[in-house]
Protein backbone atom coordinates (compact mmCIF):
# COMPACT_ATOMS: atom_id res chain seq x y z
CA MET A 1 -22.75 -27.54 -38.72
CA VAL A 2 -26.53 -27.95 -39.10
CA GLU A 3 -28.15 -29.56 -36.06
CA SER A 4 -30.27 -32.68 -36.49
CA ARG A 5 -34.00 -32.02 -36.47
CA LYS A 6 -34.41 -34.71 -33.86
CA LYS A 7 -34.96 -33.54 -30.32
CA VAL A 8 -31.59 -33.51 -28.61
CA ARG A 9 -30.95 -36.48 -26.34
CA VAL A 10 -27.55 -36.85 -24.68
CA ARG A 11 -26.18 -39.14 -21.99
CA ILE A 12 -23.35 -39.84 -19.63
CA ALA A 13 -22.57 -43.44 -18.79
CA PRO A 14 -20.21 -43.72 -15.81
CA SER A 15 -18.89 -47.06 -14.59
CA PRO A 16 -19.42 -47.78 -10.86
CA THR A 17 -15.94 -49.24 -10.46
CA GLY A 18 -14.36 -46.53 -8.29
CA ASP A 19 -14.84 -43.20 -6.58
CA PRO A 20 -16.67 -40.49 -8.60
CA HIS A 21 -14.17 -38.79 -10.92
CA VAL A 22 -13.88 -35.11 -11.85
CA GLY A 23 -13.72 -36.23 -15.49
CA THR A 24 -17.26 -37.62 -15.16
CA ALA A 25 -18.45 -34.24 -13.88
CA TYR A 26 -16.61 -32.40 -16.68
CA VAL A 27 -18.20 -34.52 -19.42
CA GLY A 28 -21.52 -34.50 -17.57
CA LEU A 29 -21.55 -30.69 -17.43
CA ILE A 30 -21.07 -30.32 -21.20
CA ASN A 31 -23.82 -32.86 -21.88
CA TYR A 32 -26.15 -31.18 -19.37
CA VAL A 33 -25.57 -27.67 -20.73
CA PHE A 34 -26.09 -28.75 -24.35
CA ALA A 35 -29.32 -30.58 -23.48
CA ARG A 36 -30.72 -27.65 -21.48
CA GLN A 37 -29.75 -25.16 -24.18
CA ARG A 38 -31.56 -27.16 -26.87
CA GLY A 39 -34.59 -28.12 -24.80
CA GLY A 40 -33.53 -31.77 -24.89
CA LYS A 41 -33.07 -34.63 -22.44
CA PHE A 42 -30.07 -35.47 -20.26
CA VAL A 43 -29.82 -39.21 -19.55
CA LEU A 44 -27.76 -41.01 -16.91
CA ARG A 45 -26.92 -44.63 -17.72
CA ILE A 46 -24.83 -46.93 -15.54
CA GLU A 47 -22.19 -49.06 -17.30
CA ASP A 48 -21.89 -51.93 -14.85
CA THR A 49 -21.05 -54.77 -17.22
CA ASP A 50 -17.73 -55.26 -15.39
CA GLN A 51 -19.25 -57.53 -12.78
CA LEU A 52 -15.98 -58.07 -10.90
CA ARG A 53 -15.35 -54.37 -10.18
CA SER A 54 -18.81 -52.77 -10.23
CA ARG A 55 -20.30 -51.99 -6.82
CA PRO A 56 -23.64 -50.40 -5.80
CA GLU A 57 -21.70 -48.26 -3.30
CA TYR A 58 -19.77 -46.68 -6.16
CA GLU A 59 -22.97 -46.11 -8.12
CA GLU A 60 -24.55 -44.30 -5.17
CA ALA A 61 -21.41 -42.19 -4.73
CA ILE A 62 -21.55 -41.14 -8.40
CA LEU A 63 -25.21 -40.16 -8.13
CA LYS A 64 -24.59 -38.25 -4.88
CA SER A 65 -21.71 -36.25 -6.36
CA LEU A 66 -23.59 -35.31 -9.52
CA ARG A 67 -26.60 -34.24 -7.44
CA TRP A 68 -24.26 -32.11 -5.29
CA LEU A 69 -23.18 -30.28 -8.44
CA GLY A 70 -26.80 -29.82 -9.52
CA LEU A 71 -26.44 -31.85 -12.74
CA ASN A 72 -29.87 -33.42 -12.43
CA TRP A 73 -30.80 -35.98 -15.06
CA ASP A 74 -34.16 -36.46 -16.77
CA GLU A 75 -33.88 -40.24 -17.07
CA GLY A 76 -31.81 -42.73 -15.10
CA PRO A 77 -31.75 -45.76 -12.83
CA ASP A 78 -33.18 -43.86 -9.87
CA VAL A 79 -35.79 -41.72 -11.68
CA GLY A 80 -36.82 -44.14 -14.42
CA GLY A 81 -37.82 -43.13 -17.93
CA PRO A 82 -39.27 -44.47 -21.17
CA TYR A 83 -36.16 -46.47 -22.09
CA LYS A 84 -35.56 -48.33 -18.83
CA PRO A 85 -33.72 -50.19 -17.48
CA TYR A 86 -30.80 -47.75 -17.26
CA ARG A 87 -28.28 -50.20 -15.82
CA GLN A 88 -26.49 -52.26 -18.45
CA SER A 89 -26.34 -55.31 -16.18
CA GLU A 90 -30.16 -55.40 -16.44
CA ARG A 91 -30.12 -55.33 -20.26
CA LYS A 92 -28.13 -58.52 -20.90
CA GLU A 93 -30.79 -60.23 -23.05
CA ILE A 94 -31.05 -57.16 -25.29
CA TYR A 95 -27.34 -57.27 -26.13
CA GLN A 96 -27.43 -61.03 -26.72
CA LYS A 97 -30.26 -60.51 -29.20
CA TYR A 98 -28.25 -58.07 -31.31
CA ALA A 99 -25.06 -60.13 -31.04
CA GLY A 100 -27.08 -63.04 -32.43
CA ALA A 101 -28.30 -60.89 -35.32
CA LEU A 102 -24.72 -59.92 -36.16
CA LEU A 103 -23.65 -63.58 -36.14
CA LYS A 104 -26.56 -64.52 -38.39
CA ASP A 105 -25.61 -61.82 -40.91
CA ASP A 106 -21.92 -62.83 -40.75
CA ARG A 107 -21.06 -59.37 -39.40
CA ALA A 108 -19.56 -61.06 -36.36
CA TYR A 109 -18.08 -64.47 -35.57
CA SER A 110 -17.48 -66.81 -32.65
CA CYS A 111 -13.93 -66.92 -31.31
CA PHE A 112 -12.68 -69.90 -29.29
CA CYS A 113 -9.15 -68.69 -28.57
CA THR A 114 -8.16 -69.32 -24.96
CA PRO A 115 -6.72 -66.59 -22.70
CA GLU A 116 -3.41 -68.49 -22.76
CA ARG A 117 -3.23 -68.38 -26.56
CA LEU A 118 -4.16 -64.68 -26.65
CA ASN A 119 -1.50 -63.82 -24.07
CA GLN A 120 1.14 -65.72 -26.01
CA MET A 121 0.04 -64.07 -29.26
CA ARG A 122 0.31 -60.57 -27.75
CA SER A 123 3.71 -61.33 -26.21
CA GLU A 124 5.03 -62.47 -29.59
CA GLN A 125 3.60 -59.39 -31.31
CA ILE A 126 5.23 -57.09 -28.76
CA SER A 127 8.55 -58.92 -29.12
CA ARG A 128 8.34 -58.26 -32.87
CA LYS A 129 7.51 -54.60 -32.10
CA GLU A 130 4.07 -54.97 -33.67
CA THR A 131 0.87 -53.34 -32.43
CA PRO A 132 -0.94 -55.97 -30.33
CA GLY A 133 -4.22 -57.13 -31.81
CA TYR A 134 -6.24 -60.23 -32.58
CA ASP A 135 -4.73 -62.21 -35.48
CA GLY A 136 -8.06 -63.43 -36.88
CA LEU A 137 -7.47 -67.16 -36.29
CA CYS A 138 -11.20 -67.85 -35.83
CA ARG A 139 -12.53 -65.61 -38.64
CA GLY A 140 -12.88 -68.57 -40.97
CA ILE A 141 -14.89 -70.83 -38.64
CA GLY A 142 -18.35 -71.43 -40.14
CA GLN A 143 -21.51 -70.75 -38.14
CA LYS A 144 -22.57 -74.39 -38.03
CA GLU A 145 -19.19 -75.53 -36.74
CA ALA A 146 -19.22 -72.73 -34.18
CA GLU A 147 -22.70 -73.69 -32.95
CA LYS A 148 -21.60 -77.32 -32.62
CA ARG A 149 -18.54 -76.38 -30.55
CA ILE A 150 -20.57 -74.06 -28.31
CA SER A 151 -23.26 -76.72 -27.74
CA SER A 152 -20.52 -79.13 -26.64
CA GLY A 153 -19.60 -76.68 -23.88
CA GLU A 154 -16.60 -74.95 -25.44
CA PRO A 155 -16.47 -71.31 -24.28
CA ALA A 156 -16.52 -68.61 -26.94
CA VAL A 157 -16.71 -64.86 -27.33
CA VAL A 158 -18.36 -62.95 -30.16
CA ARG A 159 -16.06 -60.72 -32.22
CA LEU A 160 -16.95 -57.96 -34.65
CA ARG A 161 -15.87 -58.81 -38.20
CA ILE A 162 -14.06 -55.68 -39.35
CA PRO A 163 -14.46 -55.33 -43.16
CA ARG A 164 -11.04 -55.69 -44.81
CA PRO A 165 -9.85 -53.80 -46.74
CA GLY A 166 -11.72 -50.63 -45.88
CA GLU A 167 -11.73 -47.23 -44.23
CA THR A 168 -13.95 -45.44 -41.71
CA VAL A 169 -14.14 -41.66 -41.49
CA LEU A 170 -15.01 -39.80 -38.28
CA SER A 171 -16.35 -36.26 -38.55
CA ASP A 172 -16.02 -34.65 -35.12
CA ARG A 173 -17.48 -31.27 -34.18
CA ILE A 174 -14.33 -30.14 -32.31
CA ARG A 175 -11.52 -31.50 -34.48
CA ASP A 176 -10.63 -32.20 -38.10
CA GLU A 177 -11.92 -35.22 -40.00
CA ILE A 178 -10.15 -38.41 -38.88
CA ARG A 179 -9.63 -41.41 -41.18
CA PHE A 180 -9.11 -44.95 -39.89
CA ASP A 181 -7.71 -47.69 -42.10
CA HIS A 182 -9.39 -50.99 -41.23
CA SER A 183 -6.05 -52.80 -41.31
CA ASN A 184 -5.30 -51.03 -38.01
CA ILE A 185 -8.61 -51.88 -36.33
CA ASP A 186 -8.88 -54.99 -34.16
CA ASP A 187 -11.74 -57.50 -34.43
CA GLN A 188 -13.21 -56.26 -31.18
CA VAL A 189 -14.89 -58.60 -28.68
CA LEU A 190 -18.59 -57.69 -28.48
CA LEU A 191 -19.94 -60.39 -26.19
CA LYS A 192 -17.87 -62.13 -23.54
CA SER A 193 -18.03 -65.86 -22.86
CA ASP A 194 -20.25 -65.24 -19.82
CA GLY A 195 -22.84 -63.57 -22.05
CA MET A 196 -22.10 -60.05 -20.84
CA PRO A 197 -21.41 -57.35 -23.45
CA THR A 198 -18.27 -55.29 -23.76
CA TYR A 199 -18.36 -51.48 -23.71
CA HIS A 200 -18.54 -51.35 -27.50
CA LEU A 201 -21.66 -53.43 -28.10
CA ALA A 202 -23.53 -52.14 -25.05
CA ASN A 203 -22.96 -48.49 -25.90
CA VAL A 204 -23.97 -48.78 -29.53
CA VAL A 205 -27.11 -50.76 -28.74
CA ASP A 206 -28.12 -48.53 -25.83
CA ASP A 207 -27.43 -45.26 -27.64
CA HIS A 208 -29.56 -46.41 -30.56
CA LEU A 209 -32.46 -47.79 -28.51
CA MET A 210 -32.44 -44.75 -26.20
CA GLU A 211 -32.44 -42.47 -29.28
CA ILE A 212 -29.27 -40.62 -28.28
CA THR A 213 -28.63 -37.90 -30.88
CA HIS A 214 -25.18 -36.70 -29.75
CA VAL A 215 -22.48 -38.78 -28.05
CA ILE A 216 -20.37 -36.25 -26.14
CA ARG A 217 -17.47 -37.98 -24.42
CA ALA A 218 -13.73 -37.73 -23.71
CA GLU A 219 -11.20 -37.92 -26.54
CA GLU A 220 -9.73 -41.15 -25.13
CA TRP A 221 -12.64 -42.89 -26.90
CA ILE A 222 -11.71 -41.58 -30.36
CA ASN A 223 -9.89 -44.78 -31.32
CA SER A 224 -12.98 -46.80 -30.34
CA THR A 225 -15.30 -44.72 -32.51
CA PRO A 226 -14.54 -46.43 -35.87
CA LYS A 227 -15.53 -49.75 -34.28
CA HIS A 228 -18.77 -48.14 -33.16
CA LEU A 229 -19.45 -46.66 -36.61
CA ILE A 230 -18.82 -50.08 -38.19
CA LEU A 231 -21.24 -51.60 -35.67
CA TYR A 232 -23.92 -49.04 -36.56
CA ARG A 233 -23.54 -49.92 -40.24
CA ALA A 234 -23.58 -53.65 -39.49
CA LEU A 235 -26.85 -53.27 -37.58
CA GLY A 236 -28.37 -51.00 -40.24
CA TRP A 237 -28.67 -48.01 -37.91
CA GLU A 238 -27.95 -44.31 -38.34
CA PRO A 239 -25.18 -43.27 -35.93
CA PRO A 240 -25.46 -40.26 -33.63
CA GLU A 241 -23.12 -37.31 -33.94
CA PHE A 242 -19.84 -37.92 -32.10
CA ILE A 243 -18.16 -35.08 -30.20
CA HIS A 244 -14.95 -35.82 -28.30
CA LEU A 245 -13.93 -33.44 -25.54
CA PRO A 246 -10.24 -32.79 -24.81
CA LEU A 247 -8.78 -34.70 -21.87
CA LEU A 248 -8.09 -32.88 -18.62
CA ARG A 249 -4.35 -32.46 -18.07
CA ASN A 250 -1.92 -31.91 -15.24
CA ARG A 251 0.36 -28.89 -15.46
CA ASP A 252 3.08 -31.03 -17.05
CA GLY A 253 0.70 -32.00 -19.86
CA SER A 254 0.07 -35.55 -18.66
CA LYS A 255 -3.45 -36.93 -18.31
CA ILE A 256 -4.97 -35.92 -14.98
CA SER A 257 -4.30 -38.57 -12.35
CA LYS A 258 -4.59 -39.04 -8.61
CA ARG A 259 -0.79 -39.01 -8.23
CA LYS A 260 -0.66 -35.31 -9.21
CA ASN A 261 -4.13 -33.95 -8.47
CA PRO A 262 -7.04 -35.22 -6.38
CA VAL A 263 -9.50 -36.64 -8.92
CA SER A 264 -12.33 -37.73 -6.62
CA LEU A 265 -15.37 -35.45 -6.55
CA ASP A 266 -15.83 -36.52 -2.94
CA TYR A 267 -12.53 -34.79 -2.11
CA TYR A 268 -13.70 -31.43 -3.47
CA ARG A 269 -17.05 -31.64 -1.72
CA GLU A 270 -15.50 -32.64 1.62
CA MET A 271 -12.78 -29.98 1.35
CA GLY A 272 -15.41 -27.25 1.21
CA PHE A 273 -15.45 -26.29 -2.45
CA LEU A 274 -18.79 -24.81 -3.44
CA PRO A 275 -20.71 -26.67 -6.17
CA GLU A 276 -21.32 -23.46 -8.13
CA ALA A 277 -17.56 -22.73 -8.08
CA MET A 278 -16.77 -26.28 -9.18
CA LEU A 279 -19.22 -26.02 -12.11
CA ASN A 280 -17.74 -22.65 -13.11
CA PHE A 281 -14.24 -24.13 -13.01
CA LEU A 282 -15.20 -27.22 -15.03
CA GLY A 283 -16.92 -24.96 -17.55
CA MET A 284 -13.68 -23.00 -18.02
CA LEU A 285 -11.75 -26.14 -18.95
CA GLY A 286 -11.34 -25.89 -22.71
CA TRP A 287 -14.31 -23.54 -23.20
CA ALA A 288 -14.62 -19.77 -22.86
CA MET A 289 -17.45 -17.27 -22.59
CA PRO A 290 -17.77 -15.00 -25.66
CA ASP A 291 -16.71 -12.01 -23.53
CA GLU A 292 -13.81 -14.04 -22.01
CA ARG A 293 -14.95 -13.48 -18.41
CA GLU A 294 -13.87 -16.20 -16.00
CA VAL A 295 -16.64 -15.99 -13.41
CA PHE A 296 -19.99 -17.14 -14.78
CA SER A 297 -23.04 -19.11 -13.65
CA LEU A 298 -24.46 -22.34 -14.99
CA GLU A 299 -27.29 -20.29 -16.53
CA ASP A 300 -24.71 -18.06 -18.26
CA MET A 301 -23.03 -21.13 -19.71
CA ILE A 302 -26.32 -22.56 -20.96
CA ALA A 303 -27.12 -19.24 -22.66
CA HIS A 304 -23.78 -18.88 -24.45
CA PHE A 305 -22.44 -22.40 -24.94
CA SER A 306 -21.22 -23.60 -28.34
CA PHE A 307 -18.88 -26.42 -29.34
CA GLU A 308 -17.04 -24.01 -31.63
CA ARG A 309 -15.61 -22.31 -28.53
CA ILE A 310 -14.04 -25.54 -27.23
CA SER A 311 -10.34 -25.89 -27.95
CA PRO A 312 -9.12 -29.42 -28.79
CA ALA A 313 -5.96 -28.75 -26.75
CA GLY A 314 -6.07 -30.49 -23.37
CA PRO A 315 -7.11 -27.99 -20.66
CA VAL A 316 -4.98 -27.82 -17.52
CA PHE A 317 -6.71 -28.80 -14.27
CA ASP A 318 -5.21 -25.98 -12.19
CA LEU A 319 -6.07 -26.51 -8.54
CA GLU A 320 -4.82 -23.03 -7.63
CA LYS A 321 -7.24 -21.52 -10.16
CA LEU A 322 -10.07 -23.53 -8.61
CA LYS A 323 -9.15 -22.25 -5.13
CA TRP A 324 -9.12 -18.65 -6.43
CA LEU A 325 -12.50 -19.13 -8.05
CA ASN A 326 -13.95 -20.79 -4.94
CA GLY A 327 -12.74 -17.85 -2.84
CA ASN A 328 -14.61 -15.48 -5.15
CA TYR A 329 -17.84 -17.40 -4.64
CA ILE A 330 -17.32 -17.60 -0.86
CA ARG A 331 -16.94 -13.82 -0.65
CA GLU A 332 -20.24 -13.35 -2.48
CA LEU A 333 -22.14 -15.26 0.24
CA SER A 334 -23.90 -13.43 3.03
CA ASP A 335 -22.55 -14.01 6.55
CA GLN A 336 -25.57 -16.13 7.37
CA GLU A 337 -25.23 -18.25 4.25
CA LEU A 338 -21.49 -18.67 4.76
CA LEU A 339 -22.07 -19.81 8.36
CA ARG A 340 -24.70 -22.28 7.16
CA ARG A 341 -22.34 -23.78 4.60
CA ILE A 342 -19.45 -24.01 7.05
CA ARG A 343 -21.65 -25.90 9.48
CA GLU A 344 -22.97 -28.10 6.69
CA GLN A 345 -19.68 -28.94 4.96
CA VAL A 346 -16.95 -28.49 7.57
CA PHE A 347 -18.74 -29.39 10.80
CA PRO A 348 -21.60 -31.65 9.73
CA GLU A 349 -23.42 -33.27 12.63
CA GLU A 350 -22.59 -36.76 11.40
CA ARG A 351 -18.86 -36.03 11.56
CA MET A 352 -19.10 -34.30 14.93
CA ASN A 353 -20.93 -37.32 16.33
CA SER A 354 -18.11 -39.55 15.06
CA VAL A 355 -15.25 -37.39 16.38
CA VAL A 356 -16.45 -36.82 19.97
CA PRO A 357 -16.16 -40.48 21.12
CA LEU A 358 -12.60 -40.63 19.70
CA VAL A 359 -11.26 -37.55 21.51
CA ARG A 360 -13.15 -37.43 24.83
CA GLU A 361 -10.47 -39.38 26.75
CA ARG A 362 -7.85 -36.82 25.67
CA LEU A 363 -9.72 -33.74 26.90
CA GLU A 364 -9.22 -31.96 30.22
CA MET A 365 -10.88 -28.72 29.06
CA LEU A 366 -13.40 -28.15 26.27
CA SER A 367 -11.07 -25.54 24.81
CA GLN A 368 -8.63 -28.35 23.97
CA TYR A 369 -11.07 -29.87 21.51
CA LEU A 370 -9.54 -28.34 18.39
CA ASP A 371 -5.99 -29.00 19.63
CA VAL A 372 -6.83 -32.70 19.72
CA ALA A 373 -9.28 -32.93 16.83
CA ASP A 374 -8.10 -30.31 14.33
CA PHE A 375 -6.93 -32.82 11.72
CA PHE A 376 -10.51 -34.12 11.33
CA PHE A 377 -11.57 -30.72 9.97
CA LEU A 378 -8.46 -29.26 8.36
CA GLY A 379 -8.07 -29.23 4.60
CA ASP A 380 -4.32 -29.45 4.04
CA ILE A 381 -1.96 -30.71 6.74
CA ARG A 382 1.81 -30.37 6.66
CA PRO A 383 3.46 -33.22 8.56
CA ASP A 384 7.08 -33.02 9.61
CA LEU A 385 9.09 -34.89 6.99
CA GLN A 386 11.25 -36.65 9.57
CA ASP A 387 8.17 -37.94 11.39
CA LEU A 388 7.11 -39.70 8.18
CA ILE A 389 10.33 -41.75 7.99
CA PRO A 390 10.58 -44.86 10.19
CA LYS A 391 13.82 -45.60 12.03
CA LYS A 392 16.49 -47.20 9.85
CA LYS A 393 14.58 -46.19 6.71
CA ASP A 394 15.05 -43.32 4.28
CA ALA A 395 12.61 -41.02 2.49
CA ARG A 396 12.41 -43.28 -0.57
CA GLU A 397 11.52 -46.32 1.54
CA ALA A 398 8.89 -44.30 3.44
CA ALA A 399 7.39 -43.16 0.11
CA ASP A 400 7.28 -46.78 -1.05
CA ILE A 401 5.46 -47.82 2.14
CA LEU A 402 2.87 -45.07 1.69
CA GLY A 403 2.55 -45.91 -2.00
CA GLN A 404 1.67 -49.50 -1.10
CA CYS A 405 -0.86 -48.20 1.45
CA GLN A 406 -2.42 -45.87 -1.12
CA GLU A 407 -2.70 -48.55 -3.78
CA THR A 408 -4.19 -51.08 -1.35
CA LEU A 409 -6.62 -48.71 0.36
CA GLU A 410 -7.81 -47.30 -2.98
CA SER A 411 -9.51 -50.61 -3.77
CA LEU A 412 -11.58 -50.62 -0.56
CA VAL A 413 -15.29 -50.33 -1.28
CA SER A 414 -16.32 -50.23 2.37
CA TRP A 415 -14.43 -47.44 4.18
CA LYS A 416 -14.97 -48.82 7.67
CA THR A 417 -12.55 -49.21 10.58
CA ASP A 418 -12.49 -53.00 10.56
CA LYS A 419 -11.89 -53.19 6.80
CA ILE A 420 -9.18 -50.52 6.93
CA GLU A 421 -7.33 -52.28 9.76
CA GLU A 422 -7.70 -55.73 8.19
CA THR A 423 -6.32 -54.41 4.91
CA LEU A 424 -3.34 -52.67 6.51
CA ARG A 425 -2.38 -55.66 8.67
CA LYS A 426 -2.61 -57.95 5.65
CA LEU A 427 -0.35 -55.55 3.75
CA CYS A 428 2.22 -55.74 6.56
CA GLU A 429 2.19 -59.53 6.38
CA GLU A 430 2.51 -59.65 2.60
CA LYS A 431 5.29 -57.06 2.35
CA GLY A 432 7.13 -57.86 5.56
CA TYR A 433 6.61 -54.38 7.00
CA LYS A 434 6.73 -53.87 10.75
CA THR A 435 3.23 -52.90 11.86
CA ARG A 436 4.51 -50.08 14.08
CA ASP A 437 6.50 -48.57 11.21
CA LEU A 438 3.66 -48.65 8.70
CA PHE A 439 1.03 -47.43 11.17
CA MET A 440 3.21 -44.54 12.42
CA THR A 441 4.15 -43.39 8.92
CA LEU A 442 0.52 -43.59 7.85
CA ARG A 443 -0.66 -41.84 11.05
CA VAL A 444 1.63 -38.89 10.41
CA ALA A 445 0.65 -38.72 6.73
CA VAL A 446 -3.07 -38.71 7.49
CA THR A 447 -3.18 -36.64 10.72
CA GLY A 448 0.07 -34.67 10.78
CA LYS A 449 0.64 -35.93 14.34
CA ARG A 450 2.48 -38.77 16.03
CA ALA A 451 -0.11 -39.07 18.81
CA THR A 452 -3.79 -39.24 17.88
CA PRO A 453 -6.94 -41.20 18.58
CA PRO A 454 -6.84 -44.75 17.09
CA LEU A 455 -5.55 -44.60 13.52
CA CYS A 456 -8.10 -46.68 11.64
CA GLU A 457 -11.06 -45.10 13.45
CA SER A 458 -9.61 -41.69 12.63
CA MET A 459 -9.18 -42.61 8.95
CA GLU A 460 -12.82 -43.68 8.76
CA VAL A 461 -13.96 -40.30 10.10
CA VAL A 462 -11.53 -38.28 7.96
CA GLY A 463 -13.00 -40.09 4.96
CA LYS A 464 -11.51 -41.96 2.03
CA ALA A 465 -11.15 -39.03 -0.37
CA ILE A 466 -9.24 -36.75 1.99
CA THR A 467 -7.21 -39.65 3.42
CA MET A 468 -6.04 -40.64 -0.06
CA ALA A 469 -5.21 -37.05 -0.95
CA ARG A 470 -3.14 -36.60 2.24
CA ILE A 471 -1.23 -39.81 1.57
CA GLY A 472 -0.56 -38.61 -1.95
CA ARG A 473 0.83 -35.29 -0.73
CA ALA A 474 3.03 -37.08 1.82
CA ILE A 475 4.43 -39.32 -0.94
CA ALA A 476 5.16 -36.29 -3.12
CA ALA A 477 6.96 -34.56 -0.21
CA LEU A 478 9.07 -37.66 0.49
CA GLU A 479 9.95 -38.16 -3.18
CA SER A 480 11.12 -34.57 -3.51
CA ALA A 481 13.15 -34.66 -0.27
CA PRO A 482 16.92 -34.26 -0.67
CA LYS A 483 18.81 -37.55 -0.47
């Protein structure tokens, strides 16, 4: 395929609604490598239009993790650039302008359907075994009537008017041509009733205004692409080239998830994986060097990268392969450099300062320090299965308790002792768990011990990423236990 003569400009646009994900790093790496290979620009844009879930703490965590990997961006919310602002929440008026233009040209329409009506409509469609989608009730409302209803205070969203009948064709660099019949495409919401854009409008507008030449993203967005192509046509703009990367998979072929593999980049950094090993591993996922070697540098990848060497089959996120690769990189370090990294990643001063006050009352000799504090620094722990199970409970019930803990703790933005304890005690009240049962099961899952410094203080120091991974492994062990 002939490249566009435009200077290459690519972007990643993570949402600050959770911990930094390995999938963000995987997509970010491909964008970064392609930009560097072609002498182009790598842009970081923050998709924070979900005002209920977006948090500045998550944004900072994303930036920190990408910097750790060395995927430094040329433009972004922290470094600026010619197309600022780079946070979508700061571009609200821009999206409203283009939504208004679409309404004026009858390429979009105002929809007044209430959430209750939409829920009932979807329930009825599902009961009839139909694909849920908007039924077009408001498509025929004229612009004057819509303006009158809005001025009277009636809430409305703006929906894209999908041309019917019709067809949209997607030509993707990695896969065969894909055709989408418009009868199967929903009239997508572009602007919510609060004036904030949805993903679809914001991405199309931003990619055009920021002169993005190639949209390189995960294949889960393929079904959204015809809506985006229709939007480009409706606005009279030339679309960028779309390239959809295969999704990362677990060994069983399912989409990578925290239940089967740690997905937080924080976990891999805190466990002592080297950033150069992590980049090498991510580069191997679905792509291969021309000489098929498995160990290569970021510079090697930039020199030899091509989309033609990416397989559309979902690559397996093999944690054992990552450990093997990381071991190779560790053995290439000098003794001095290895010692420096151990001190920096395993025994950082901040963590040491946090651990000492928690264990001092349990020490009679300094040599006991690691006996008391080892779980703060260990990677994997292997708790006794029986210690995980409260009295008068079985393994399944213990797994359920830990599952509730994992789900509840996952939503915590502030990983502080008081918030952790407040959340766990509230969970006990809501579910009717005995506090001693939940706290003991959780203590063993997180520390591997029945007797430790205070649980919630210990969880804060261990950190959210490793705590969540340990709970996940404990759940897996309980679920696979013989009945």
